[in-house]
Amino acid sequence: MEIRMKLDINQVNALCAICDAEDFDVNVMCGRICVDGRSVMGVMEMCGRVVTIVPITNDDFKVEEFFRKLEKIGAYKSEGFYS
């Protein structure tokens, strides 16, 4: 499962804080670039771009809770959203 957002400088700390609070890994991807969602410097490199956020877990309940938190900071489910 994945969710997308256009990342701006104000959302970097919020995104990293949300990822840091989770007990599973989160990948933030843009094209061929993939960084850990907890890495402020890595995520900051993607400012101004549409990124794909992918939680690495099989627990659907945790994923849905995670997505709800991300939607509060501007993330959206893309057309190609799959579960």
PDB file of N, CA and C in Angstrom:
ATOM      1  N   MET A   1       0.837  -1.173   0.000  1.00  0.00           N
ATOM      2  CA  MET A   1       0.000   0.000   0.000  1.00  0.00           C
ATOM      3  C   MET A   1       0.887   1.243   0.000  1.00  0.00           C
ATOM      4  N   GLU A   2       0.383   2.277  -0.610  1.00  0.00           N
ATOM      5  CA  GLU A   2       1.158   3.510  -0.711  1.00  0.00           C
ATOM      6  C   GLU A   2       0.240   4.718  -0.679  1.00  0.00           C
ATOM      7  N   ILE A   3       0.828   5.848  -0.396  1.00  0.00           N
ATOM      8  CA  ILE A   3       0.115   7.118  -0.372  1.00  0.00           C
ATOM      9  C   ILE A   3       1.084   8.160  -0.916  1.00  0.00           C
ATOM     10  N   ARG A   4       0.566   9.217  -1.507  1.00  0.00           N
ATOM     11  CA  ARG A   4       1.416  10.244  -2.115  1.00  0.00           C
ATOM     12  C   ARG A   4       1.188  11.603  -1.468  1.00  0.00           C
ATOM     13  N   MET A   5       2.188  12.467  -1.624  1.00  0.00           N
ATOM     14  CA  MET A   5       2.023  13.852  -1.203  1.00  0.00           C
ATOM     15  C   MET A   5       3.056  14.717  -1.895  1.00  0.00           C
ATOM     16  N   LYS A   6       2.678  15.956  -2.162  1.00  0.00           N
ATOM     17  CA  LYS A   6       3.641  16.938  -2.659  1.00  0.00           C
ATOM     18  C   LYS A   6       4.310  17.520  -1.423  1.00  0.00           C
ATOM     19  N   LEU A   7       5.582  17.290  -1.311  1.00  0.00           N
ATOM     20  CA  LEU A   7       6.320  17.602  -0.089  1.00  0.00           C
ATOM     21  C   LEU A   7       6.875  19.013  -0.131  1.00  0.00           C
ATOM     22  N   ASP A   8       6.537  19.800   0.893  1.00  0.00           N
ATOM     23  CA  ASP A   8       7.160  21.117   1.019  1.00  0.00           C
ATOM     24  C   ASP A   8       7.955  21.165   2.328  1.00  0.00           C
ATOM     25  N   ILE A   9       8.727  22.207   2.495  1.00  0.00           N
ATOM     26  CA  ILE A   9       9.654  22.306   3.624  1.00  0.00           C
ATOM     27  C   ILE A   9       8.935  22.242   4.967  1.00  0.00           C
ATOM     28  N   ASN A  10       7.705  22.731   5.036  1.00  0.00           N
ATOM     29  CA  ASN A  10       6.947  22.726   6.289  1.00  0.00           C
ATOM     30  C   ASN A  10       6.469  21.329   6.679  1.00  0.00           C
ATOM     31  N   GLN A  11       6.397  20.420   5.730  1.00  0.00           N
ATOM     32  CA  GLN A  11       5.898  19.082   5.999  1.00  0.00           C
ATOM     33  C   GLN A  11       6.995  18.081   6.336  1.00  0.00           C
ATOM     34  N   VAL A  12       8.251  18.448   6.096  1.00  0.00           N
ATOM     35  CA  VAL A  12       9.353  17.498   6.296  1.00  0.00           C
ATOM     36  C   VAL A  12       9.416  17.026   7.744  1.00  0.00           C
ATOM     37  N   ASN A  13       9.449  17.955   8.689  1.00  0.00           N
ATOM     38  CA  ASN A  13       9.532  17.560  10.100  1.00  0.00           C
ATOM     39  C   ASN A  13       8.308  16.780  10.545  1.00  0.00           C
ATOM     40  N   ALA A  14       7.133  17.182  10.078  1.00  0.00           N
ATOM     41  CA  ALA A  14       5.911  16.465  10.445  1.00  0.00           C
ATOM     42  C   ALA A  14       5.936  15.040   9.914  1.00  0.00           C
ATOM     43  N   LEU A  15       6.346  14.871   8.655  1.00  0.00           N
ATOM     44  CA  LEU A  15       6.424  13.534   8.055  1.00  0.00           C
ATOM     45  C   LEU A  15       7.429  12.669   8.808  1.00  0.00           C
ATOM     46  N   CYS A  16       8.605  13.203   9.089  1.00  0.00           N
ATOM     47  CA  CYS A  16       9.637  12.433   9.791  1.00  0.00           C
ATOM     48  C   CYS A  16       9.192  12.081  11.209  1.00  0.00           C
ATOM     49  N   ALA A  17       8.483  12.980  11.881  1.00  0.00           N
ATOM     50  CA  ALA A  17       7.983  12.697  13.234  1.00  0.00           C
ATOM     51  C   ALA A  17       6.949  11.578  13.211  1.00  0.00           C
ATOM     52  N   ILE A  18       6.063  11.604  12.228  1.00  0.00           N
ATOM     53  CA  ILE A  18       5.059  10.547  12.102  1.00  0.00           C
ATOM     54  C   ILE A  18       5.739   9.210  11.824  1.00  0.00           C
ATOM     55  N   CYS A  19       6.704   9.197  10.919  1.00  0.00           N
ATOM     56  CA  CYS A  19       7.422   7.957  10.588  1.00  0.00           C
ATOM     57  C   CYS A  19       8.209   7.446  11.789  1.00  0.00           C
ATOM     58  N   ASP A  20       8.811   8.363  12.542  1.00  0.00           N
ATOM     59  CA  ASP A  20       9.620   7.987  13.696  1.00  0.00           C
ATOM     60  C   ASP A  20       8.774   7.364  14.805  1.00  0.00           C
ATOM     61  N   ALA A  21       7.515   7.759  14.900  1.00  0.00           N
ATOM     62  CA  ALA A  21       6.638   7.246  15.944  1.00  0.00           C
ATOM     63  C   ALA A  21       6.147   5.822  15.665  1.00  0.00           C
ATOM     64  N   GLU A  22       6.290   5.364  14.440  1.00  0.00           N
ATOM     65  CA  GLU A  22       5.797   4.033  14.074  1.00  0.00           C
ATOM     66  C   GLU A  22       6.833   2.955  14.399  1.00  0.00           C
ATOM     67  N   ASP A  23       6.353   1.725  14.607  1.00  0.00           N
ATOM     68  CA  ASP A  23       7.254   0.620  14.918  1.00  0.00           C
ATOM     69  C   ASP A  23       7.614  -0.217  13.685  1.00  0.00           C
ATOM     70  N   PHE A  24       7.351   0.338  12.507  1.00  0.00           N
ATOM     71  CA  PHE A  24       7.729  -0.322  11.259  1.00  0.00           C
ATOM     72  C   PHE A  24       8.492   0.680  10.395  1.00  0.00           C
ATOM     73  N   ASP A  25       9.202   0.165   9.400  1.00  0.00           N
ATOM     74  CA  ASP A  25       9.962   1.030   8.499  1.00  0.00           C
ATOM     75  C   ASP A  25       9.037   1.700   7.497  1.00  0.00           C
ATOM     76  N   VAL A  26       9.449   2.876   7.040  1.00  0.00           N
ATOM     77  CA  VAL A  26       8.692   3.622   6.034  1.00  0.00           C
ATOM     78  C   VAL A  26       9.672   4.105   4.974  1.00  0.00           C
ATOM     79  N   ASN A  27       9.381   3.808   3.724  1.00  0.00           N
ATOM     80  CA  ASN A  27      10.192   4.297   2.608  1.00  0.00           C
ATOM     81  C   ASN A  27       9.505   5.506   1.983  1.00  0.00           C
ATOM     82  N   VAL A  28      10.294   6.533   1.686  1.00  0.00           N
ATOM     83  CA  VAL A  28       9.812   7.703   0.955  1.00  0.00           C
ATOM     84  C   VAL A  28      10.532   7.675  -0.382  1.00  0.00           C
ATOM     85  N   MET A  29       9.762   7.611  -1.465  1.00  0.00           N
ATOM     86  CA  MET A  29      10.356   7.417  -2.784  1.00  0.00           C
ATOM     87  C   MET A  29       9.948   8.516  -3.756  1.00  0.00           C
ATOM     88  N   CYS A  30      10.884   8.843  -4.626  1.00  0.00           N
ATOM     89  CA  CYS A  30      10.638   9.776  -5.714  1.00  0.00           C
ATOM     90  C   CYS A  30      11.475   9.295  -6.891  1.00  0.00           C
ATOM     91  N   GLY A  31      10.817   8.736  -7.885  1.00  0.00           N
ATOM     92  CA  GLY A  31      11.552   8.157  -9.007  1.00  0.00           C
ATOM     93  C   GLY A  31      12.391   6.984  -8.532  1.00  0.00           C
ATOM     94  N   ARG A  32      13.690   7.034  -8.820  1.00  0.00           N
ATOM     95  CA  ARG A  32      14.587   5.957  -8.405  1.00  0.00           C
ATOM     96  C   ARG A  32      15.169   6.165  -7.022  1.00  0.00           C
ATOM     97  N   ILE A  33      14.882   7.316  -6.406  1.00  0.00           N
ATOM     98  CA  ILE A  33      15.430   7.628  -5.091  1.00  0.00           C
ATOM     99  C   ILE A  33      14.510   7.065  -4.016  1.00  0.00           C
ATOM    100  N   CYS A  34      15.094   6.379  -3.038  1.00  0.00           N
ATOM    101  CA  CYS A  34      14.332   5.814  -1.927  1.00  0.00           C
ATOM    102  C   CYS A  34      15.099   6.098  -0.643  1.00  0.00           C
ATOM    103  N   VAL A  35      14.455   6.780   0.313  1.00  0.00           N
ATOM    104  CA  VAL A  35      15.094   7.083   1.589  1.00  0.00           C
ATOM    105  C   VAL A  35      14.209   6.621   2.738  1.00  0.00           C
ATOM    106  N   ASP A  36      14.821   6.471   3.895  1.00  0.00           N
ATOM    107  CA  ASP A  36      14.106   6.115   5.109  1.00  0.00           C
ATOM    108  C   ASP A  36      13.262   7.316   5.550  1.00  0.00           C
ATOM    109  N   GLY A  37      12.011   7.074   5.897  1.00  0.00           N
ATOM    110  CA  GLY A  37      11.117   8.143   6.314  1.00  0.00           C
ATOM    111  C   GLY A  37      11.536   8.841   7.598  1.00  0.00           C
ATOM    112  N   ARG A  38      12.422   8.229   8.358  1.00  0.00           N
ATOM    113  CA  ARG A  38      12.906   8.845   9.597  1.00  0.00           C
ATOM    114  C   ARG A  38      14.070   9.797   9.356  1.00  0.00           C
ATOM    115  N   SER A  39      14.622   9.807   8.163  1.00  0.00           N
ATOM    116  CA  SER A  39      15.792  10.609   7.836  1.00  0.00           C
ATOM    117  C   SER A  39      15.379  12.010   7.372  1.00  0.00           C
ATOM    118  N   VAL A  40      15.573  12.997   8.239  1.00  0.00           N
ATOM    119  CA  VAL A  40      15.185  14.367   7.901  1.00  0.00           C
ATOM    120  C   VAL A  40      15.983  14.852   6.691  1.00  0.00           C
ATOM    121  N   MET A  41      17.273  14.595   6.681  1.00  0.00           N
ATOM    122  CA  MET A  41      18.105  15.048   5.561  1.00  0.00           C
ATOM    123  C   MET A  41      17.697  14.377   4.247  1.00  0.00           C
ATOM    124  N   GLY A  42      17.403  13.089   4.303  1.00  0.00           N
ATOM    125  CA  GLY A  42      16.988  12.377   3.102  1.00  0.00           C
ATOM    126  C   GLY A  42      15.661  12.876   2.568  1.00  0.00           C
ATOM    127  N   VAL A  43      14.700  13.065   3.468  1.00  0.00           N
ATOM    128  CA  VAL A  43      13.377  13.535   3.059  1.00  0.00           C
ATOM    129  C   VAL A  43      13.461  14.980   2.567  1.00  0.00           C
ATOM    130  N   MET A  44      14.314  15.783   3.184  1.00  0.00           N
ATOM    131  CA  MET A  44      14.456  17.181   2.785  1.00  0.00           C
ATOM    132  C   MET A  44      14.953  17.316   1.338  1.00  0.00           C
ATOM    133  N   GLU A  45      15.714  16.331   0.883  1.00  0.00           N
ATOM    134  CA  GLU A  45      16.191  16.335  -0.508  1.00  0.00           C
ATOM    135  C   GLU A  45      15.041  16.278  -1.510  1.00  0.00           C
ATOM    136  N   MET A  46      13.892  15.819  -1.064  1.00  0.00           N
ATOM    137  CA  MET A  46      12.752  15.630  -1.967  1.00  0.00           C
ATOM    138  C   MET A  46      11.742  16.771  -1.912  1.00  0.00           C
ATOM    139  N   CYS A  47      12.064  17.854  -1.246  1.00  0.00           N
ATOM    140  CA  CYS A  47      11.142  18.994  -1.144  1.00  0.00           C
ATOM    141  C   CYS A  47      10.760  19.504  -2.528  1.00  0.00           C
ATOM    142  N   GLY A  48       9.497  19.839  -2.683  1.00  0.00           N
ATOM    143  CA  GLY A  48       9.001  20.367  -3.938  1.00  0.00           C
ATOM    144  C   GLY A  48       8.588  19.303  -4.929  1.00  0.00           C
ATOM    145  N   ARG A  49       8.729  18.061  -4.570  1.00  0.00           N
ATOM    146  CA  ARG A  49       8.379  16.956  -5.470  1.00  0.00           C
ATOM    147  C   ARG A  49       7.216  16.152  -4.897  1.00  0.00           C
ATOM    148  N   VAL A  50       6.555  15.423  -5.770  1.00  0.00           N
ATOM    149  CA  VAL A  50       5.529  14.484  -5.324  1.00  0.00           C
ATOM    150  C   VAL A  50       6.244  13.193  -4.945  1.00  0.00           C
ATOM    151  N   VAL A  51       6.062  12.773  -3.700  1.00  0.00           N
ATOM    152  CA  VAL A  51       6.724  11.574  -3.209  1.00  0.00           C
ATOM    153  C   VAL A  51       5.693  10.486  -2.944  1.00  0.00           C
ATOM    154  N   THR A  52       6.156   9.252  -2.969  1.00  0.00           N
ATOM    155  CA  THR A  52       5.340   8.101  -2.632  1.00  0.00           C
ATOM    156  C   THR A  52       5.821   7.573  -1.291  1.00  0.00           C
ATOM    157  N   ILE A  53       4.909   7.389  -0.368  1.00  0.00           N
ATOM    158  CA  ILE A  53       5.250   6.928   0.969  1.00  0.00           C
ATOM    159  C   ILE A  53       4.729   5.502   1.126  1.00  0.00           C
ATOM    160  N   VAL A  54       5.653   4.582   1.442  1.00  0.00           N
ATOM    161  CA  VAL A  54       5.319   3.164   1.507  1.00  0.00           C
ATOM    162  C   VAL A  54       5.672   2.603   2.884  1.00  0.00           C
ATOM    163  N   PRO A  55       4.678   2.253   3.689  1.00  0.00           N
ATOM    164  CA  PRO A  55       4.971   1.606   4.969  1.00  0.00           C
ATOM    165  C   PRO A  55       5.341   0.137   4.732  1.00  0.00           C
ATOM    166  N   ILE A  56       6.340  -0.344   5.466  1.00  0.00           N
ATOM    167  CA  ILE A  56       6.798  -1.718   5.306  1.00  0.00           C
ATOM    168  C   ILE A  56       6.261  -2.548   6.478  1.00  0.00           C
ATOM    169  N   THR A  57       5.032  -2.988   6.332  1.00  0.00           N
ATOM    170  CA  THR A  57       4.384  -3.834   7.338  1.00  0.00           C
ATOM    171  C   THR A  57       3.218  -4.566   6.685  1.00  0.00           C
ATOM    172  N   ASN A  58       2.825  -5.664   7.282  1.00  0.00           N
ATOM    173  CA  ASN A  58       1.671  -6.428   6.790  1.00  0.00           C
ATOM    174  C   ASN A  58       0.419  -6.169   7.624  1.00  0.00           C
ATOM    175  N   ASP A  59       0.520  -5.331   8.634  1.00  0.00           N
ATOM    176  CA  ASP A  59      -0.599  -5.040   9.527  1.00  0.00           C
ATOM    177  C   ASP A  59      -1.466  -3.932   8.919  1.00  0.00           C
ATOM    178  N   ASP A  60      -2.591  -4.319   8.326  1.00  0.00           N
ATOM    179  CA  ASP A  60      -3.467  -3.362   7.645  1.00  0.00           C
ATOM    180  C   ASP A  60      -4.018  -2.298   8.592  1.00  0.00           C
ATOM    181  N   PHE A  61      -4.283  -2.647   9.836  1.00  0.00           N
ATOM    182  CA  PHE A  61      -4.798  -1.670  10.792  1.00  0.00           C
ATOM    183  C   PHE A  61      -3.765  -0.569  11.038  1.00  0.00           C
ATOM    184  N   LYS A  62      -2.518  -0.949  11.233  1.00  0.00           N
ATOM    185  CA  LYS A  62      -1.454   0.037  11.454  1.00  0.00           C
ATOM    186  C   LYS A  62      -1.269   0.920  10.218  1.00  0.00           C
ATOM    187  N   VAL A  63      -1.382   0.329   9.046  1.00  0.00           N
ATOM    188  CA  VAL A  63      -1.227   1.092   7.805  1.00  0.00           C
ATOM    189  C   VAL A  63      -2.339   2.128   7.680  1.00  0.00           C
ATOM    190  N   GLU A  64      -3.574   1.746   7.951  1.00  0.00           N
ATOM    191  CA  GLU A  64      -4.687   2.686   7.856  1.00  0.00           C
ATOM    192  C   GLU A  64      -4.539   3.829   8.864  1.00  0.00           C
ATOM    193  N   GLU A  65      -4.116   3.522  10.087  1.00  0.00           N
ATOM    194  CA  GLU A  65      -3.873   4.570  11.084  1.00  0.00           C
ATOM    195  C   GLU A  65      -2.758   5.509  10.621  1.00  0.00           C
ATOM    196  N   PHE A  66      -1.710   4.941  10.067  1.00  0.00           N
ATOM    197  CA  PHE A  66      -0.579   5.711   9.548  1.00  0.00           C
ATOM    198  C   PHE A  66      -1.048   6.640   8.425  1.00  0.00           C
ATOM    199  N   PHE A  67      -1.853   6.117   7.500  1.00  0.00           N
ATOM    200  CA  PHE A  67      -2.362   6.923   6.390  1.00  0.00           C
ATOM    201  C   PHE A  67      -3.260   8.057   6.892  1.00  0.00           C
ATOM    202  N   ARG A  68      -4.054   7.819   7.931  1.00  0.00           N
ATOM    203  CA  ARG A  68      -4.897   8.879   8.488  1.00  0.00           C
ATOM    204  C   ARG A  68      -4.044  10.020   9.032  1.00  0.00           C
ATOM    205  N   LYS A  69      -2.948   9.674   9.686  1.00  0.00           N
ATOM    206  CA  LYS A  69      -2.034  10.704  10.197  1.00  0.00           C
ATOM    207  C   LYS A  69      -1.429  11.498   9.045  1.00  0.00           C
ATOM    208  N   LEU A  70      -1.043  10.803   7.979  1.00  0.00           N
ATOM    209  CA  LEU A  70      -0.434  11.482   6.830  1.00  0.00           C
ATOM    210  C   LEU A  70      -1.427  12.373   6.101  1.00  0.00           C
ATOM    211  N   GLU A  71      -2.672  11.962   6.021  1.00  0.00           N
ATOM    212  CA  GLU A  71      -3.688  12.774   5.351  1.00  0.00           C
ATOM    213  C   GLU A  71      -3.878  14.110   6.056  1.00  0.00           C
ATOM    214  N   LYS A  72      -3.641  14.154   7.356  1.00  0.00           N
ATOM    215  CA  LYS A  72      -3.762  15.405   8.115  1.00  0.00           C
ATOM    216  C   LYS A  72      -2.685  16.420   7.728  1.00  0.00           C
ATOM    217  N   ILE A  73      -1.566  15.937   7.156  1.00  0.00           N
ATOM    218  CA  ILE A  73      -0.506  16.861   6.748  1.00  0.00           C
ATOM    219  C   ILE A  73      -0.436  17.026   5.230  1.00  0.00           C
ATOM    220  N   GLY A  74      -1.452  16.534   4.508  1.00  0.00           N
ATOM    221  CA  GLY A  74      -1.533  16.806   3.078  1.00  0.00           C
ATOM    222  C   GLY A  74      -1.325  15.639   2.147  1.00  0.00           C
ATOM    223  N   ALA A  75      -1.197  14.431   2.661  1.00  0.00           N
ATOM    224  CA  ALA A  75      -1.028  13.263   1.789  1.00  0.00           C
ATOM    225  C   ALA A  75      -2.374  12.881   1.188  1.00  0.00           C
ATOM    226  N   TYR A  76      -2.334  12.197   0.060  1.00  0.00           N
ATOM    227  CA  TYR A  76      -3.558  11.757  -0.606  1.00  0.00           C
ATOM    228  C   TYR A  76      -3.339  10.400  -1.233  1.00  0.00           C
ATOM    229  N   LYS A  77      -4.398   9.618  -1.309  1.00  0.00           N
ATOM    230  CA  LYS A  77      -4.324   8.316  -1.970  1.00  0.00           C
ATOM    231  C   LYS A  77      -4.397   8.567  -3.462  1.00  0.00           C
ATOM    232  N   SER A  78      -3.471   7.970  -4.180  1.00  0.00           N
ATOM    233  CA  SER A  78      -3.387   8.212  -5.620  1.00  0.00           C
ATOM    234  C   SER A  78      -4.385   7.359  -6.382  1.00  0.00           C
ATOM    235  N   GLU A  79      -4.516   7.675  -7.669  1.00  0.00           N
ATOM    236  CA  GLU A  79      -5.428   6.919  -8.549  1.00  0.00           C
ATOM    237  C   GLU A  79      -5.081   5.439  -8.546  1.00  0.00           C
ATOM    238  N   GLY A  80      -3.819   5.117  -8.536  1.00  0.00           N
ATOM    239  CA  GLY A  80      -3.370   3.731  -8.602  1.00  0.00           C
ATOM    240  C   GLY A  80      -3.259   3.084  -7.245  1.00  0.00           C
ATOM    241  N   PHE A  81      -3.994   3.583  -6.260  1.00  0.00           N
ATOM    242  CA  PHE A  81      -3.919   3.038  -4.903  1.00  0.00           C
ATOM    243  C   PHE A  81      -4.386   1.582  -4.912  1.00  0.00           C
ATOM    244  N   TYR A  82      -3.623   0.758  -4.269  1.00  0.00           N
ATOM    245  CA  TYR A  82      -3.986  -0.649  -4.182  1.00  0.00           C
ATOM    246  C   TYR A  82      -3.789  -1.123  -2.747  1.00  0.00           C
ATOM    247  N   SER A  83      -4.475  -2.177  -2.400  1.00  0.00           N
ATOM    248  CA  SER A  83      -4.317  -2.721  -1.046  1.00  0.00           C
ATOM    249  C   SER A  83      -4.047  -4.194  -1.092  1.00  0.00           C
TER     250      SER A  83
END
